[in-house]
N, C-alpha and C. Protein backbone atom coordinates (compact mmCIF):
# COMPACT_ATOMS: atom_id res chain seq x y z
N MET A 1 116.70 57.39 72.30
CA MET A 1 115.63 57.35 73.64
C MET A 1 115.87 55.91 73.85
N SER A 2 115.62 54.80 72.88
CA SER A 2 115.54 53.58 73.02
C SER A 2 116.79 52.79 73.73
N GLU A 3 118.10 53.69 73.36
CA GLU A 3 119.23 52.96 73.82
C GLU A 3 119.25 53.90 75.64
N PHE A 4 118.65 54.80 75.54
CA PHE A 4 118.52 55.17 77.31
C PHE A 4 117.55 54.39 77.89
N LEU A 5 116.54 53.87 77.17
CA LEU A 5 115.64 53.26 78.18
C LEU A 5 116.30 51.85 78.45
N HIS A 6 117.17 51.42 77.63
CA HIS A 6 117.79 49.92 77.89
C HIS A 6 118.56 50.01 78.58
N MET A 7 119.25 51.30 78.79
CA MET A 7 120.36 51.09 79.66
C MET A 7 121.48 50.19 79.81
N GLY A 8 122.00 50.37 78.38
CA GLY A 8 123.39 49.70 78.14
C GLY A 8 123.12 48.16 78.64
N GLY A 9 121.72 47.86 78.33
CA GLY A 9 121.71 46.31 78.93
C GLY A 9 121.25 45.89 80.36
N TYR A 10 121.54 47.46 81.31
CA TYR A 10 121.35 47.19 82.77
C TYR A 10 119.69 47.53 83.16
N ALA A 11 118.94 48.03 82.20
CA ALA A 11 117.80 48.01 82.56
C ALA A 11 117.11 47.28 83.26
N VAL A 12 117.15 45.87 83.42
CA VAL A 12 116.55 45.34 84.33
C VAL A 12 116.68 45.60 85.63
N PHE A 13 118.23 46.05 86.24
CA PHE A 13 118.47 46.69 87.43
C PHE A 13 118.33 48.11 87.70
N VAL A 14 118.34 48.67 87.22
CA VAL A 14 118.00 50.05 87.06
C VAL A 14 116.97 50.58 87.20
N TRP A 15 115.93 50.49 86.28
CA TRP A 15 114.45 50.65 86.33
C TRP A 15 113.82 50.19 87.88
N PRO A 16 113.98 49.08 88.20
CA PRO A 16 113.41 48.86 89.54
C PRO A 16 114.00 49.35 90.48
N ALA A 17 115.42 49.74 90.41
CA ALA A 17 115.71 50.52 91.39
C ALA A 17 114.86 52.00 91.87
N TYR A 18 115.15 52.57 90.18
CA TYR A 18 114.47 53.94 90.43
C TYR A 18 112.81 53.94 91.03
N VAL A 19 112.14 52.64 90.57
CA VAL A 19 110.95 52.63 90.98
C VAL A 19 110.96 52.26 92.75
N ALA A 20 112.02 51.28 93.11
CA ALA A 20 111.94 51.08 94.60
C ALA A 20 112.21 52.70 95.36
N VAL A 21 113.25 53.32 94.67
CA VAL A 21 113.23 54.61 95.59
C VAL A 21 112.35 55.70 95.47
N MET A 22 111.99 55.96 94.41
CA MET A 22 110.38 56.91 94.27
C MET A 22 109.38 56.09 95.30
N GLY A 23 109.26 54.91 95.08
CA GLY A 23 107.87 54.12 96.22
C GLY A 23 108.58 54.69 97.57
N VAL A 24 109.92 54.41 98.18
CA VAL A 24 110.06 54.89 99.35
C VAL A 24 110.12 56.72 99.47
N VAL A 25 110.14 57.30 98.62
CA VAL A 25 109.96 58.36 98.60
C VAL A 25 108.54 59.01 98.77
N VAL A 26 107.51 58.32 98.21
CA VAL A 26 106.43 58.55 98.51
C VAL A 26 105.88 58.29 99.51
N ILE A 27 106.09 56.73 100.42
CA ILE A 27 105.76 56.44 101.32
C ILE A 27 106.22 57.50 102.57
N LEU A 28 107.48 57.88 102.31
CA LEU A 28 108.24 58.57 103.31
C LEU A 28 107.03 60.22 103.35
N GLY A 29 107.10 60.82 102.17
CA GLY A 29 106.01 61.70 102.14
C GLY A 29 104.56 61.70 102.83
N ILE A 30 104.16 60.48 102.46
CA ILE A 30 102.68 60.26 103.16
C ILE A 30 102.59 60.31 104.57
N GLN A 31 103.87 59.59 104.88
CA GLN A 31 103.78 59.27 106.59
C GLN A 31 104.40 60.85 107.32
N SER A 32 105.13 61.65 106.70
CA SER A 32 105.25 62.43 106.97
C SER A 32 104.53 63.99 107.12
N TRP A 33 103.43 63.75 106.04
CA TRP A 33 102.34 64.62 106.30
C TRP A 33 101.18 64.15 107.48
N ARG A 34 101.29 62.80 107.28
CA ARG A 34 100.26 62.26 108.02
C ARG A 34 100.40 62.65 109.96
N SER A 35 101.76 62.54 109.95
CA SER A 35 102.70 62.84 111.15
C SER A 35 102.25 64.14 111.49
N GLN A 36 102.86 65.02 110.87
CA GLN A 36 102.73 66.52 110.69
C GLN A 36 100.98 67.08 110.98
N LYS A 37 100.22 66.37 110.39
CA LYS A 37 98.76 66.58 110.49
C LYS A 37 98.50 65.97 111.78
N THR A 38 98.78 64.97 112.43
CA THR A 38 98.39 64.57 113.71
C THR A 38 98.94 65.29 114.98
N LEU A 39 100.58 65.71 114.48
CA LEU A 39 100.90 66.67 115.77
C LEU A 39 100.34 67.81 115.83
N THR A 40 99.77 68.57 114.55
CA THR A 40 99.77 69.68 114.33
C THR A 40 98.05 69.59 115.17
N ALA A 41 97.29 68.72 115.14
CA ALA A 41 96.12 68.67 116.09
C ALA A 41 96.23 68.61 117.59
N GLU A 42 97.33 67.72 117.61
CA GLU A 42 97.67 67.55 119.46
C GLU A 42 98.21 68.87 119.89
N ALA A 43 98.65 69.81 119.18
CA ALA A 43 99.34 70.81 119.53
C ALA A 43 97.95 72.01 119.84
N ALA A 44 97.61 72.00 119.01
CA ALA A 44 96.00 72.60 119.11
C ALA A 44 95.38 72.44 120.37
N ARG A 45 95.38 71.10 120.50
CA ARG A 45 94.40 70.36 121.67
C ARG A 45 95.10 70.86 122.91
N LEU A 46 96.46 70.80 122.89
CA LEU A 46 97.39 71.03 124.14
C LEU A 46 97.19 72.41 124.55
N LYS A 47 97.15 73.46 123.32
CA LYS A 47 97.12 75.00 123.47
C LYS A 47 95.84 75.27 124.17
N GLN A 48 94.85 74.41 123.70
CA GLN A 48 93.46 74.73 124.24
C GLN A 48 93.56 74.35 125.38
N THR A 49 94.12 73.66 125.88
CA THR A 49 94.04 72.54 127.08
C THR A 49 94.61 73.77 128.44
N MET A 50 95.77 74.04 127.70
CA MET A 50 96.60 75.03 128.62
C MET A 50 96.14 76.45 128.80
N GLY A 51 95.31 76.62 127.72
CA GLY A 51 94.48 78.07 127.70
C GLY A 51 93.26 78.01 128.93
N GLU A 52 92.60 76.88 128.73
CA GLU A 52 91.52 76.51 129.86
C GLU A 52 92.25 76.37 131.17
N GLU A 53 93.65 75.62 131.52
CA GLU A 53 94.06 75.64 132.83
C GLU A 53 94.43 76.86 133.22
N GLU A 54 94.72 78.06 132.44
CA GLU A 54 95.29 79.44 133.30
C GLU A 54 94.17 80.35 133.33
N GLN A 55 92.76 79.96 132.94
CA GLN A 55 91.59 80.59 133.21
C GLN A 55 91.55 80.21 134.75
N HIS A 56 91.62 79.03 135.43
CA HIS A 56 90.89 78.70 136.78
C HIS A 56 91.94 79.02 137.73
């Protein structure tokens, strides 16, 4: 296990790369979730607005 974590002497390069990639994945996931939440709310608002216009 120690040899795996040491990555043949390249751990100083490999582990920060894994952390950076995971950070980007988490950030993209959060941004996607927030964007989907915002767009869903906007779509519901537009649907309601369109329904009110059809009644007039």
